Protein backbone atom coordinates (compact mmCIF):
# COMPACT_ATOMS: atom_id res chain seq x y z
CA UNK A 1 37.56 12.34 -50.26
CA UNK A 2 36.42 12.25 -46.64
CA UNK A 3 38.69 11.03 -43.93
CA UNK A 4 37.25 8.25 -41.81
CA UNK A 5 36.88 8.92 -38.12
CA UNK A 6 38.17 6.57 -35.48
CA UNK A 7 36.08 3.52 -35.03
CA UNK A 8 33.91 3.28 -31.93
CA UNK A 9 34.88 0.73 -29.34
CA UNK A 10 32.23 -0.72 -27.06
CA UNK A 11 32.74 -1.54 -23.42
CA UNK A 12 30.43 -3.55 -21.20
CA UNK A 13 29.80 -2.44 -17.65
CA UNK A 14 30.28 -5.28 -15.19
CA UNK A 15 27.29 -4.35 -12.99
CA UNK A 16 24.65 -3.04 -15.37
CA UNK A 17 25.37 -5.01 -18.53
CA UNK A 18 24.62 -1.96 -20.69
CA UNK A 19 26.91 -0.93 -23.47
CA UNK A 20 29.12 2.14 -23.22
CA UNK A 21 30.84 3.61 -26.26
CA UNK A 22 33.95 5.70 -26.31
CA UNK A 23 35.88 7.24 -29.17
CA UNK A 24 39.22 6.38 -27.67
CA UNK A 25 40.05 2.72 -27.54
CA UNK A 26 41.94 2.69 -24.27
CA UNK A 27 40.73 2.67 -20.72
CA UNK A 28 37.30 2.60 -19.16
CA UNK A 29 34.96 5.49 -19.88
CA UNK A 30 33.85 7.78 -17.06
CA UNK A 31 30.27 6.53 -17.49
CA UNK A 32 31.33 2.95 -16.84
CA UNK A 33 33.36 3.96 -13.78
CA UNK A 34 30.76 6.25 -12.20
CA UNK A 35 27.59 4.65 -13.55
CA UNK A 36 26.58 2.89 -10.34
CA UNK A 37 25.98 6.08 -8.29
CA UNK A 38 23.99 7.70 -11.08
CA UNK A 39 21.96 4.53 -11.62
CA UNK A 40 21.17 4.26 -7.92
CA UNK A 41 20.02 7.89 -7.69
CA UNK A 42 17.86 7.43 -10.80
CA UNK A 43 16.34 4.30 -9.27
CA UNK A 44 15.47 6.25 -6.12
CA UNK A 45 13.88 9.05 -8.15
CA UNK A 46 11.93 6.58 -10.28
CA UNK A 47 10.76 4.77 -7.16
CA UNK A 48 9.44 7.99 -5.60
CA UNK A 49 7.73 8.97 -8.87
CA UNK A 50 6.09 5.53 -9.14
CA UNK A 51 4.71 5.89 -5.59
CA UNK A 52 3.02 9.18 -6.53
CA UNK A 53 1.51 7.90 -9.79
CA UNK A 54 -2.12 6.83 -9.96
CA UNK A 55 -3.02 3.62 -11.73
CA UNK A 56 -6.79 4.24 -11.85
CA UNK A 57 -6.69 6.77 -14.70
CA UNK A 58 -8.48 5.71 -17.90
CA UNK A 59 -6.76 5.92 -21.27
CA UNK A 60 -7.78 9.02 -23.22
CA UNK A 61 -6.37 11.03 -26.11
CA UNK A 62 -6.76 14.43 -27.69
CA UNK A 63 -10.23 14.89 -29.09
CA UNK A 64 -11.97 12.77 -26.45
CA UNK A 65 -14.76 14.27 -24.36
CA UNK A 66 -14.14 13.57 -20.69
CA UNK A 67 -15.64 14.38 -17.30
CA UNK A 68 -13.12 15.31 -14.61
CA UNK A 69 -14.52 14.93 -11.09
CA UNK A 70 -12.61 17.29 -8.80
CA UNK A 71 -12.53 17.43 -5.02
CA UNK A 72 -13.20 21.01 -3.91
CA UNK A 73 -12.51 21.92 -0.28
CA UNK A 74 -14.43 24.95 1.03
CA UNK A 75 -13.70 25.53 4.67
CA UNK A 76 -14.38 22.24 6.41
CA UNK A 77 -16.72 20.94 3.71
CA UNK A 78 -15.63 18.91 0.73
CA UNK A 79 -17.62 18.50 -2.47
CA UNK A 80 -17.18 17.07 -5.96
CA UNK A 81 -17.28 19.41 -8.97
CA UNK A 82 -17.51 18.05 -12.53
CA UNK A 83 -15.64 19.70 -15.41
CA UNK A 84 -16.72 18.25 -18.78
CA UNK A 85 -15.09 19.18 -22.06
CA UNK A 86 -12.83 18.19 -24.94
CA UNK A 87 -9.23 17.17 -24.34
CA UNK A 88 -7.14 19.51 -26.48
CA UNK A 89 -3.72 18.49 -25.22
CA UNK A 90 -2.11 15.60 -23.34
CA UNK A 91 1.40 15.99 -22.00
CA UNK A 92 2.86 12.61 -21.06
CA UNK A 93 5.50 11.92 -18.50
CA UNK A 94 5.82 10.74 -14.94
CA UNK A 95 4.82 13.11 -12.16
CA UNK A 96 4.82 16.14 -14.47
CA UNK A 97 2.17 14.74 -16.84
CA UNK A 98 -0.85 16.95 -17.50
CA UNK A 99 -3.83 17.37 -19.80
CA UNK A 100 -5.86 20.38 -20.94
CA UNK A 101 -9.66 20.30 -21.17
CA UNK A 102 -11.70 22.94 -23.02
CA UNK A 103 -15.40 23.61 -22.57
CA UNK A 104 -17.80 26.36 -23.58
CA UNK A 105 -19.54 27.96 -20.59
CA UNK A 106 -22.19 30.64 -21.35
CA UNK A 107 -20.65 31.29 -24.75
CA UNK A 108 -17.15 31.76 -23.34
CA UNK A 109 -14.39 29.19 -23.88
CA UNK A 110 -12.86 27.92 -20.64
CA UNK A 111 -9.67 25.86 -20.61
CA UNK A 112 -8.25 24.17 -17.58
CA UNK A 113 -4.94 22.34 -17.18
CA UNK A 114 -5.04 19.35 -14.85
CA UNK A 115 -2.00 17.53 -13.49
CA UNK A 116 -2.62 13.89 -14.39
CA UNK A 117 -1.63 12.51 -10.99
CA UNK A 118 -3.20 15.24 -8.86
CA UNK A 119 -4.74 14.18 -5.53
CA UNK A 120 -7.57 16.68 -6.14
CA UNK A 121 -8.89 14.62 -9.07
CA UNK A 122 -11.42 12.14 -7.72
CA UNK A 123 -11.81 10.27 -11.00
CA UNK A 124 -12.00 10.78 -14.77
CA UNK A 125 -14.58 9.26 -17.10
CA UNK A 126 -14.40 9.15 -20.87
CA UNK A 127 -17.76 10.22 -22.36
CA UNK A 128 -16.98 9.94 -26.09
CA UNK A 129 -13.88 9.24 -28.14
CA UNK A 130 -13.20 11.77 -30.88
CA UNK A 131 -11.53 11.27 -34.24
CA UNK A 132 -8.82 13.88 -34.79
CA UNK A 133 -5.57 13.96 -36.74
CA UNK A 134 -3.54 16.12 -34.40
CA UNK A 135 -2.30 15.82 -30.86
CA UNK A 136 -2.72 19.54 -30.05
CA UNK A 137 -6.16 20.88 -30.90
CA UNK A 138 -5.45 24.59 -30.44
CA UNK A 139 -7.35 25.37 -33.66
CA UNK A 140 -10.61 24.77 -31.73
CA UNK A 141 -10.09 28.12 -30.00
CA UNK A 142 -10.89 29.95 -33.24
CA UNK A 143 -13.94 27.86 -34.15
CA UNK A 144 -17.50 28.58 -32.98
CA UNK A 145 -20.73 26.57 -32.85
CA UNK A 146 -21.11 23.53 -35.09
CA UNK A 147 -17.69 24.09 -36.66
CA UNK A 148 -16.07 23.28 -33.31
CA UNK A 149 -17.59 19.80 -33.14
CA UNK A 150 -15.36 16.73 -33.15
CA UNK A 151 -16.48 13.64 -35.05
CA UNK A 152 -16.82 10.45 -33.00
CA UNK A 153 -14.25 7.70 -33.45
CA UNK A 154 -15.67 4.54 -35.03
CA UNK A 155 -14.72 1.38 -33.18
CA UNK A 156 -15.27 -1.90 -34.97
């Protein structure tokens, strides 16, 4: 027969209103006492991350074919270069979010990882939406020719 553990007692923080749990019934937990400083520093970090995020990015998933228009600076001149290929991976997050695009150039597979909120990306356009069952399409690296095609997603 198993012995029952102590019951969990819940405490409410006066400032935040969130629930803190502690195994001991007495006293205020260290999270409730020191939660305000940690919450304030997290708010500052989130605020800075929100300022650096771009809101003009379209919604795309793995399997979609996209065109990434990049700003290339050569000396004093600036030009736009287009990289078109299949999205094989999307890594979500705040400022660390990225996506990987794969294309075939002269029979050689080229993959490039783009930070989602990079200032070098001019804009991204979705060409086609693909129907895939995985979020990481690394198996496309082994496929050649027609076998590497992705079926289009049917939208009704």
